Amino acid sequence: MQTAFSIMPGRADDHDYFAFHGNIDALAEGQLKELPGKIRRPLVKFDFSRTGRINSMGIALLLRCLKTIREEKKAEVRLLELSPMNTMLFKMTGVFLLAQPEK
């Protein structure tokens, strides 16, 4: 699994889609800061299927990104393909207060 973080946009008719690749840590800051500016629809889906580890700085950056998307873009965010570890981490850190896992 690659460790350098990248965000790959995808195509969907009714929502914006972004796949996260690699570790989410301090090195992800620039890309996560730019992400809200790419949101065009009121529904956004983030795919975590190719995400590696997420450290405390990564959680802080995700929370900031999600808060900006909700407040400035007025968009709903859904999280796809969460590992059991990420699900537990997101429950404990409040990520699920800003974005919901896709059923």
N, C-alpha and C. Protein backbone atom coordinates (compact mmCIF):
# COMPACT_ATOMS: atom_id res chain seq x y z
N MET A 1 0.86 -1.18 0.00
CA MET A 1 0.00 0.00 0.00
C MET A 1 0.89 1.23 0.00
N GLN A 2 0.54 2.18 -0.85
CA GLN A 2 1.31 3.43 -0.86
C GLN A 2 1.04 4.21 0.41
N THR A 3 2.03 4.96 0.84
CA THR A 3 1.87 5.71 2.08
C THR A 3 1.68 7.20 1.84
N ALA A 4 2.19 7.73 0.73
CA ALA A 4 2.00 9.15 0.43
C ALA A 4 0.52 9.39 0.15
N PHE A 5 -0.01 10.46 0.69
CA PHE A 5 -1.44 10.74 0.58
C PHE A 5 -1.78 11.40 -0.76
N SER A 6 -2.89 10.97 -1.33
CA SER A 6 -3.43 11.62 -2.52
C SER A 6 -4.95 11.50 -2.51
N ILE A 7 -5.58 12.42 -3.19
CA ILE A 7 -7.04 12.42 -3.33
C ILE A 7 -7.36 12.33 -4.81
N MET A 8 -8.13 11.30 -5.17
CA MET A 8 -8.49 11.10 -6.57
C MET A 8 -9.99 11.37 -6.75
N PRO A 9 -10.33 12.37 -7.58
CA PRO A 9 -11.76 12.61 -7.82
C PRO A 9 -12.33 11.51 -8.71
N GLY A 10 -13.61 11.28 -8.58
CA GLY A 10 -14.30 10.30 -9.41
C GLY A 10 -15.52 10.93 -10.04
N ARG A 11 -16.23 10.15 -10.83
CA ARG A 11 -17.41 10.67 -11.51
C ARG A 11 -18.67 10.02 -10.97
N ALA A 12 -19.66 10.85 -10.76
CA ALA A 12 -20.97 10.39 -10.33
C ALA A 12 -21.98 11.44 -10.75
N ASP A 13 -23.19 11.01 -11.07
CA ASP A 13 -24.20 11.94 -11.55
C ASP A 13 -24.82 12.80 -10.45
N ASP A 14 -24.99 12.22 -9.27
CA ASP A 14 -25.77 12.92 -8.24
C ASP A 14 -24.95 13.39 -7.04
N HIS A 15 -23.63 13.20 -7.05
CA HIS A 15 -22.81 13.62 -5.92
C HIS A 15 -21.35 13.81 -6.35
N ASP A 16 -20.59 14.51 -5.53
CA ASP A 16 -19.14 14.59 -5.71
C ASP A 16 -18.52 13.36 -5.04
N TYR A 17 -17.47 12.82 -5.65
CA TYR A 17 -16.82 11.60 -5.14
C TYR A 17 -15.31 11.84 -5.11
N PHE A 18 -14.71 11.45 -3.98
CA PHE A 18 -13.26 11.55 -3.85
C PHE A 18 -12.75 10.31 -3.14
N ALA A 19 -11.73 9.68 -3.71
CA ALA A 19 -11.10 8.50 -3.10
C ALA A 19 -9.79 8.95 -2.45
N PHE A 20 -9.62 8.58 -1.19
CA PHE A 20 -8.40 8.89 -0.46
C PHE A 20 -7.45 7.70 -0.58
N HIS A 21 -6.17 8.00 -0.84
CA HIS A 21 -5.15 6.97 -0.99
C HIS A 21 -3.99 7.29 -0.06
N GLY A 22 -3.53 6.28 0.68
CA GLY A 22 -2.35 6.45 1.53
C GLY A 22 -2.68 6.88 2.95
N ASN A 23 -1.65 7.29 3.66
CA ASN A 23 -1.79 7.68 5.06
C ASN A 23 -2.30 9.11 5.18
N ILE A 24 -3.18 9.33 6.14
CA ILE A 24 -3.67 10.68 6.41
C ILE A 24 -2.95 11.18 7.64
N ASP A 25 -2.00 12.10 7.40
CA ASP A 25 -1.17 12.66 8.46
C ASP A 25 -0.85 14.11 8.09
N ALA A 26 0.17 14.68 8.69
CA ALA A 26 0.51 16.08 8.44
C ALA A 26 0.79 16.36 6.96
N LEU A 27 1.29 15.38 6.24
CA LEU A 27 1.60 15.57 4.83
C LEU A 27 0.34 15.70 3.96
N ALA A 28 -0.81 15.39 4.51
CA ALA A 28 -2.08 15.50 3.78
C ALA A 28 -2.68 16.90 3.88
N GLU A 29 -2.07 17.78 4.66
CA GLU A 29 -2.68 19.08 4.95
C GLU A 29 -3.02 19.88 3.71
N GLY A 30 -2.11 20.04 2.79
CA GLY A 30 -2.35 20.86 1.61
C GLY A 30 -3.53 20.37 0.79
N GLN A 31 -3.60 19.06 0.56
CA GLN A 31 -4.69 18.51 -0.25
C GLN A 31 -6.04 18.60 0.46
N LEU A 32 -6.06 18.37 1.78
CA LEU A 32 -7.31 18.46 2.52
C LEU A 32 -7.79 19.91 2.65
N LYS A 33 -6.86 20.87 2.67
CA LYS A 33 -7.25 22.29 2.70
C LYS A 33 -7.90 22.71 1.39
N GLU A 34 -7.43 22.15 0.27
CA GLU A 34 -7.95 22.49 -1.05
C GLU A 34 -9.26 21.78 -1.38
N LEU A 35 -9.52 20.67 -0.73
CA LEU A 35 -10.68 19.84 -1.07
C LEU A 35 -12.02 20.56 -1.01
N PRO A 36 -12.32 21.36 0.02
CA PRO A 36 -13.63 22.03 0.04
C PRO A 36 -13.89 22.90 -1.20
N GLY A 37 -12.86 23.48 -1.77
CA GLY A 37 -13.01 24.29 -2.97
C GLY A 37 -13.41 23.50 -4.19
N LYS A 38 -13.29 22.18 -4.14
CA LYS A 38 -13.65 21.32 -5.27
C LYS A 38 -15.07 20.77 -5.18
N ILE A 39 -15.76 21.07 -4.09
CA ILE A 39 -17.11 20.55 -3.87
C ILE A 39 -18.09 21.37 -4.70
N ARG A 40 -18.91 20.69 -5.50
CA ARG A 40 -19.88 21.35 -6.37
C ARG A 40 -21.32 20.94 -6.10
N ARG A 41 -21.53 19.81 -5.44
CA ARG A 41 -22.88 19.29 -5.22
C ARG A 41 -23.19 19.22 -3.72
N PRO A 42 -24.48 19.12 -3.39
CA PRO A 42 -24.86 19.08 -1.96
C PRO A 42 -24.61 17.74 -1.27
N LEU A 43 -24.16 16.74 -2.03
CA LEU A 43 -23.81 15.44 -1.46
C LEU A 43 -22.40 15.09 -1.91
N VAL A 44 -21.56 14.73 -0.93
CA VAL A 44 -20.17 14.38 -1.19
C VAL A 44 -19.90 13.02 -0.57
N LYS A 45 -19.18 12.16 -1.30
CA LYS A 45 -18.80 10.85 -0.77
C LYS A 45 -17.28 10.73 -0.79
N PHE A 46 -16.73 10.33 0.36
CA PHE A 46 -15.30 10.09 0.51
C PHE A 46 -15.08 8.58 0.65
N ASP A 47 -14.26 8.03 -0.21
CA ASP A 47 -13.95 6.60 -0.22
C ASP A 47 -12.63 6.36 0.52
N PHE A 48 -12.69 5.58 1.58
CA PHE A 48 -11.51 5.29 2.41
C PHE A 48 -10.93 3.89 2.14
N SER A 49 -11.34 3.24 1.07
CA SER A 49 -10.92 1.85 0.83
C SER A 49 -9.41 1.70 0.63
N ARG A 50 -8.73 2.74 0.21
CA ARG A 50 -7.29 2.66 -0.01
C ARG A 50 -6.50 3.56 0.95
N THR A 51 -7.12 3.82 2.07
CA THR A 51 -6.47 4.65 3.09
C THR A 51 -5.64 3.77 4.01
N GLY A 52 -4.46 4.26 4.34
CA GLY A 52 -3.61 3.57 5.31
C GLY A 52 -3.92 4.08 6.70
N ARG A 53 -2.90 4.33 7.48
CA ARG A 53 -3.11 4.78 8.85
C ARG A 53 -3.55 6.23 8.87
N ILE A 54 -4.27 6.58 9.92
CA ILE A 54 -4.71 7.96 10.15
C ILE A 54 -4.26 8.34 11.55
N ASN A 55 -3.33 9.29 11.64
CA ASN A 55 -2.84 9.68 12.97
C ASN A 55 -3.63 10.87 13.50
N SER A 56 -3.24 11.38 14.67
CA SER A 56 -3.99 12.45 15.31
C SER A 56 -4.01 13.73 14.47
N MET A 57 -2.92 14.04 13.82
CA MET A 57 -2.91 15.21 12.93
C MET A 57 -3.85 14.99 11.75
N GLY A 58 -3.89 13.77 11.25
CA GLY A 58 -4.82 13.44 10.16
C GLY A 58 -6.27 13.61 10.57
N ILE A 59 -6.59 13.20 11.79
CA ILE A 59 -7.95 13.38 12.31
C ILE A 59 -8.28 14.87 12.39
N ALA A 60 -7.35 15.67 12.91
CA ALA A 60 -7.58 17.11 13.03
C ALA A 60 -7.80 17.73 11.65
N LEU A 61 -7.03 17.32 10.67
CA LEU A 61 -7.19 17.85 9.31
C LEU A 61 -8.51 17.42 8.70
N LEU A 62 -8.90 16.16 8.92
CA LEU A 62 -10.19 15.69 8.41
C LEU A 62 -11.35 16.46 9.04
N LEU A 63 -11.28 16.66 10.35
CA LEU A 63 -12.34 17.40 11.04
C LEU A 63 -12.45 18.82 10.49
N ARG A 64 -11.34 19.47 10.28
CA ARG A 64 -11.35 20.84 9.73
C ARG A 64 -11.95 20.85 8.33
N CYS A 65 -11.55 19.89 7.51
CA CYS A 65 -12.07 19.78 6.14
C CYS A 65 -13.58 19.54 6.14
N LEU A 66 -14.03 18.61 6.96
CA LEU A 66 -15.46 18.29 7.03
C LEU A 66 -16.28 19.47 7.54
N LYS A 67 -15.75 20.17 8.53
CA LYS A 67 -16.45 21.34 9.07
C LYS A 67 -16.59 22.43 8.01
N THR A 68 -15.55 22.66 7.24
CA THR A 68 -15.59 23.65 6.17
C THR A 68 -16.60 23.26 5.11
N ILE A 69 -16.63 21.99 4.74
CA ILE A 69 -17.58 21.53 3.72
C ILE A 69 -19.01 21.73 4.20
N ARG A 70 -19.28 21.38 5.43
CA ARG A 70 -20.65 21.53 5.97
C ARG A 70 -21.05 22.99 6.09
N GLU A 71 -20.16 23.82 6.61
CA GLU A 71 -20.51 25.22 6.88
C GLU A 71 -20.49 26.10 5.63
N GLU A 72 -19.46 25.95 4.81
CA GLU A 72 -19.32 26.84 3.65
C GLU A 72 -20.04 26.32 2.40
N LYS A 73 -20.02 25.02 2.21
CA LYS A 73 -20.64 24.43 1.02
C LYS A 73 -22.05 23.91 1.28
N LYS A 74 -22.42 23.85 2.55
CA LYS A 74 -23.75 23.34 2.95
C LYS A 74 -24.00 21.94 2.35
N ALA A 75 -22.96 21.14 2.35
CA ALA A 75 -23.04 19.80 1.75
C ALA A 75 -23.04 18.72 2.83
N GLU A 76 -23.71 17.63 2.52
CA GLU A 76 -23.71 16.44 3.37
C GLU A 76 -22.57 15.54 2.92
N VAL A 77 -21.83 14.99 3.88
CA VAL A 77 -20.70 14.12 3.57
C VAL A 77 -20.99 12.72 4.06
N ARG A 78 -20.76 11.75 3.19
CA ARG A 78 -20.88 10.33 3.56
C ARG A 78 -19.53 9.66 3.36
N LEU A 79 -19.23 8.72 4.23
CA LEU A 79 -17.94 8.03 4.24
C LEU A 79 -18.14 6.60 3.77
N LEU A 80 -17.35 6.18 2.79
CA LEU A 80 -17.46 4.85 2.20
C LEU A 80 -16.27 3.98 2.56
N GLU A 81 -16.53 2.67 2.63
CA GLU A 81 -15.48 1.66 2.76
C GLU A 81 -14.56 1.90 3.96
N LEU A 82 -15.15 2.16 5.10
CA LEU A 82 -14.36 2.34 6.32
C LEU A 82 -13.93 0.99 6.89
N SER A 83 -12.69 0.90 7.30
CA SER A 83 -12.22 -0.30 7.98
C SER A 83 -12.79 -0.28 9.40
N PRO A 84 -12.81 -1.43 10.07
CA PRO A 84 -13.27 -1.45 11.46
C PRO A 84 -12.46 -0.50 12.35
N MET A 85 -11.16 -0.41 12.10
CA MET A 85 -10.29 0.49 12.88
C MET A 85 -10.68 1.94 12.65
N ASN A 86 -10.90 2.33 11.39
CA ASN A 86 -11.28 3.71 11.11
C ASN A 86 -12.67 4.02 11.66
N THR A 87 -13.58 3.07 11.61
CA THR A 87 -14.91 3.27 12.18
C THR A 87 -14.81 3.58 13.66
N MET A 88 -14.03 2.80 14.37
CA MET A 88 -13.86 3.02 15.81
C MET A 88 -13.18 4.37 16.06
N LEU A 89 -12.14 4.68 15.31
CA LEU A 89 -11.41 5.94 15.44
C LEU A 89 -12.34 7.13 15.19
N PHE A 90 -13.16 7.05 14.15
CA PHE A 90 -14.06 8.15 13.82
C PHE A 90 -15.16 8.32 14.86
N LYS A 91 -15.61 7.24 15.47
CA LYS A 91 -16.59 7.33 16.55
C LYS A 91 -15.99 8.04 17.76
N MET A 92 -14.76 7.68 18.09
CA MET A 92 -14.11 8.22 19.28
C MET A 92 -13.70 9.69 19.13
N THR A 93 -13.43 10.12 17.92
CA THR A 93 -12.88 11.47 17.71
C THR A 93 -13.91 12.49 17.22
N GLY A 94 -15.14 12.07 16.99
CA GLY A 94 -16.17 13.01 16.58
C GLY A 94 -16.33 13.21 15.09
N VAL A 95 -15.63 12.45 14.29
CA VAL A 95 -15.78 12.58 12.83
C VAL A 95 -17.23 12.30 12.42
N PHE A 96 -17.87 11.33 13.08
CA PHE A 96 -19.24 10.98 12.71
C PHE A 96 -20.26 12.06 13.10
N LEU A 97 -19.84 13.08 13.83
CA LEU A 97 -20.73 14.21 14.09
C LEU A 97 -20.82 15.12 12.86
N LEU A 98 -19.82 15.04 11.96
CA LEU A 98 -19.78 15.87 10.78
C LEU A 98 -20.04 15.12 9.48
N ALA A 99 -19.90 13.80 9.50
CA ALA A 99 -20.10 12.97 8.31
C ALA A 99 -20.59 11.60 8.75
N GLN A 100 -21.42 11.00 7.94
CA GLN A 100 -22.01 9.71 8.28
C GLN A 100 -21.45 8.59 7.42
N PRO A 101 -21.29 7.41 8.00
CA PRO A 101 -20.87 6.27 7.18
C PRO A 101 -22.00 5.87 6.25
N GLU A 102 -21.66 5.52 5.03
CA GLU A 102 -22.66 5.04 4.07
C GLU A 102 -23.02 3.61 4.42
N LYS A 103 -24.28 3.32 4.49
CA LYS A 103 -24.75 1.97 4.84
C LYS A 103 -24.62 1.04 3.66
